[in-house]
Amino acid sequence: MEKKLRDDAKRTAQMLGVPLTTVMNAMLRQFVREQMVTLSTYPRIRPEKIAEWNKVGDDMDAHPEKYKSYDVEEFLALMDKEWAKTDKKRETKAR
């Protein structure tokens, strides 16, 4: 096993409060039982991001005057402009 991968796996297991051996044994038992491997790239939101979003949400609730709100049409028009800027930057970098 790659050292960085092992270290990352150990750290993750510790965050979950289980030994890495327990995780590996559970995965191997499932592999033997089901005779298949399931791979997933399902994203998970990190707790610190949730805390950051909650902080911004609380600030928006407390001080709505600091934030602009958009109806759907305004928002889509704004996004079109932003996407056009991003596309232009990508084209410039590609050259």
Protein backbone atom coordinates (compact mmCIF):
# COMPACT_ATOMS: atom_id res chain seq x y z
CA MET A 1 0.00 0.00 0.00
CA GLU A 2 1.25 3.49 -0.80
CA LYS A 3 2.49 5.37 2.28
CA LYS A 4 0.45 8.53 1.64
CA LEU A 5 -2.68 6.48 0.98
CA ARG A 6 -2.14 4.47 4.16
CA ASP A 7 -1.56 7.64 6.20
CA ASP A 8 -4.69 9.29 4.75
CA ALA A 9 -6.72 6.14 5.46
CA LYS A 10 -5.41 5.99 9.04
CA ARG A 11 -6.30 9.63 9.59
CA THR A 12 -9.79 9.12 8.19
CA ALA A 13 -10.37 6.02 10.32
CA GLN A 14 -9.23 7.95 13.39
CA MET A 15 -11.70 10.75 12.58
CA LEU A 16 -14.44 8.11 12.45
CA GLY A 17 -13.20 6.60 15.72
CA VAL A 18 -12.33 3.14 14.37
CA PRO A 19 -9.01 1.40 13.79
CA LEU A 20 -7.90 1.13 10.16
CA THR A 21 -7.75 -2.67 10.59
CA THR A 22 -11.48 -2.71 11.35
CA VAL A 23 -12.19 -0.71 8.19
CA MET A 24 -10.01 -3.00 6.05
CA ASN A 25 -11.55 -6.16 7.50
CA ALA A 26 -15.07 -4.86 6.88
CA MET A 27 -14.20 -3.99 3.28
CA LEU A 28 -12.61 -7.40 2.67
CA ARG A 29 -15.60 -9.23 4.19
CA GLN A 30 -17.94 -7.29 1.94
CA PHE A 31 -15.72 -8.00 -1.08
CA VAL A 32 -15.75 -11.75 -0.36
CA ARG A 33 -19.46 -11.85 0.45
CA GLU A 34 -20.63 -9.84 -2.58
CA GLN A 35 -17.81 -10.81 -4.97
CA MET A 36 -17.77 -7.31 -6.36
CA VAL A 37 -16.23 -3.90 -5.75
CA THR A 38 -18.26 -0.70 -5.67
CA LEU A 39 -16.41 2.53 -6.29
CA SER A 40 -18.01 5.88 -5.61
CA THR A 41 -17.02 9.49 -6.07
CA TYR A 42 -20.03 10.74 -4.14
CA PRO A 43 -18.94 14.07 -2.67
CA ARG A 44 -19.28 14.77 1.02
CA ILE A 45 -19.45 18.20 2.51
CA ARG A 46 -16.72 18.78 5.07
CA PRO A 47 -17.95 19.89 8.53
CA GLU A 48 -15.89 23.09 8.38
CA LYS A 49 -17.67 24.07 5.13
CA ILE A 50 -21.07 23.49 6.74
CA ALA A 51 -19.98 25.66 9.68
CA GLU A 52 -18.82 28.37 7.27
CA TRP A 53 -22.13 28.29 5.35
CA ASN A 54 -24.08 28.44 8.62
CA LYS A 55 -22.05 31.47 9.70
CA VAL A 56 -22.78 33.24 6.41
CA GLY A 57 -26.46 32.25 6.64
CA ASP A 58 -26.68 33.64 10.17
CA ASP A 59 -25.05 36.88 9.01
CA MET A 60 -27.49 37.10 6.09
CA ASP A 61 -30.41 36.64 8.48
CA ALA A 62 -29.06 39.24 10.89
CA HIS A 63 -28.02 41.79 8.20
CA PRO A 64 -30.07 41.30 5.03
CA GLU A 65 -29.19 44.82 3.93
CA LYS A 66 -25.60 43.68 3.26
CA TYR A 67 -26.71 41.12 0.66
CA LYS A 68 -28.37 41.54 -2.72
CA SER A 69 -31.14 39.15 -3.62
CA TYR A 70 -31.98 38.13 -7.17
CA ASP A 71 -35.02 36.78 -8.91
CA VAL A 72 -34.41 33.81 -11.20
CA GLU A 73 -34.04 35.86 -14.39
CA GLU A 74 -31.56 38.29 -12.78
CA PHE A 75 -29.56 35.42 -11.35
CA LEU A 76 -29.36 33.56 -14.68
CA ALA A 77 -28.29 36.74 -16.48
CA LEU A 78 -25.57 37.30 -13.88
CA MET A 79 -24.38 33.70 -14.22
CA ASP A 80 -24.24 34.03 -18.02
CA LYS A 81 -21.91 37.02 -17.60
CA GLU A 82 -19.72 35.16 -15.09
CA TRP A 83 -19.52 32.06 -17.29
CA ALA A 84 -18.58 34.22 -20.27
CA LYS A 85 -15.71 35.74 -18.22
CA THR A 86 -14.55 32.27 -17.19
CA ASP A 87 -14.69 31.02 -20.78
CA LYS A 88 -12.67 34.03 -21.94
CA LYS A 89 -10.00 33.38 -19.27
CA ARG A 90 -9.77 29.72 -20.31
CA GLU A 91 -9.39 30.68 -23.96
CA THR A 92 -6.61 33.12 -23.06
CA LYS A 93 -4.76 30.47 -20.99
CA ALA A 94 -5.11 27.89 -23.77
CA ARG A 95 -3.21 30.11 -26.20
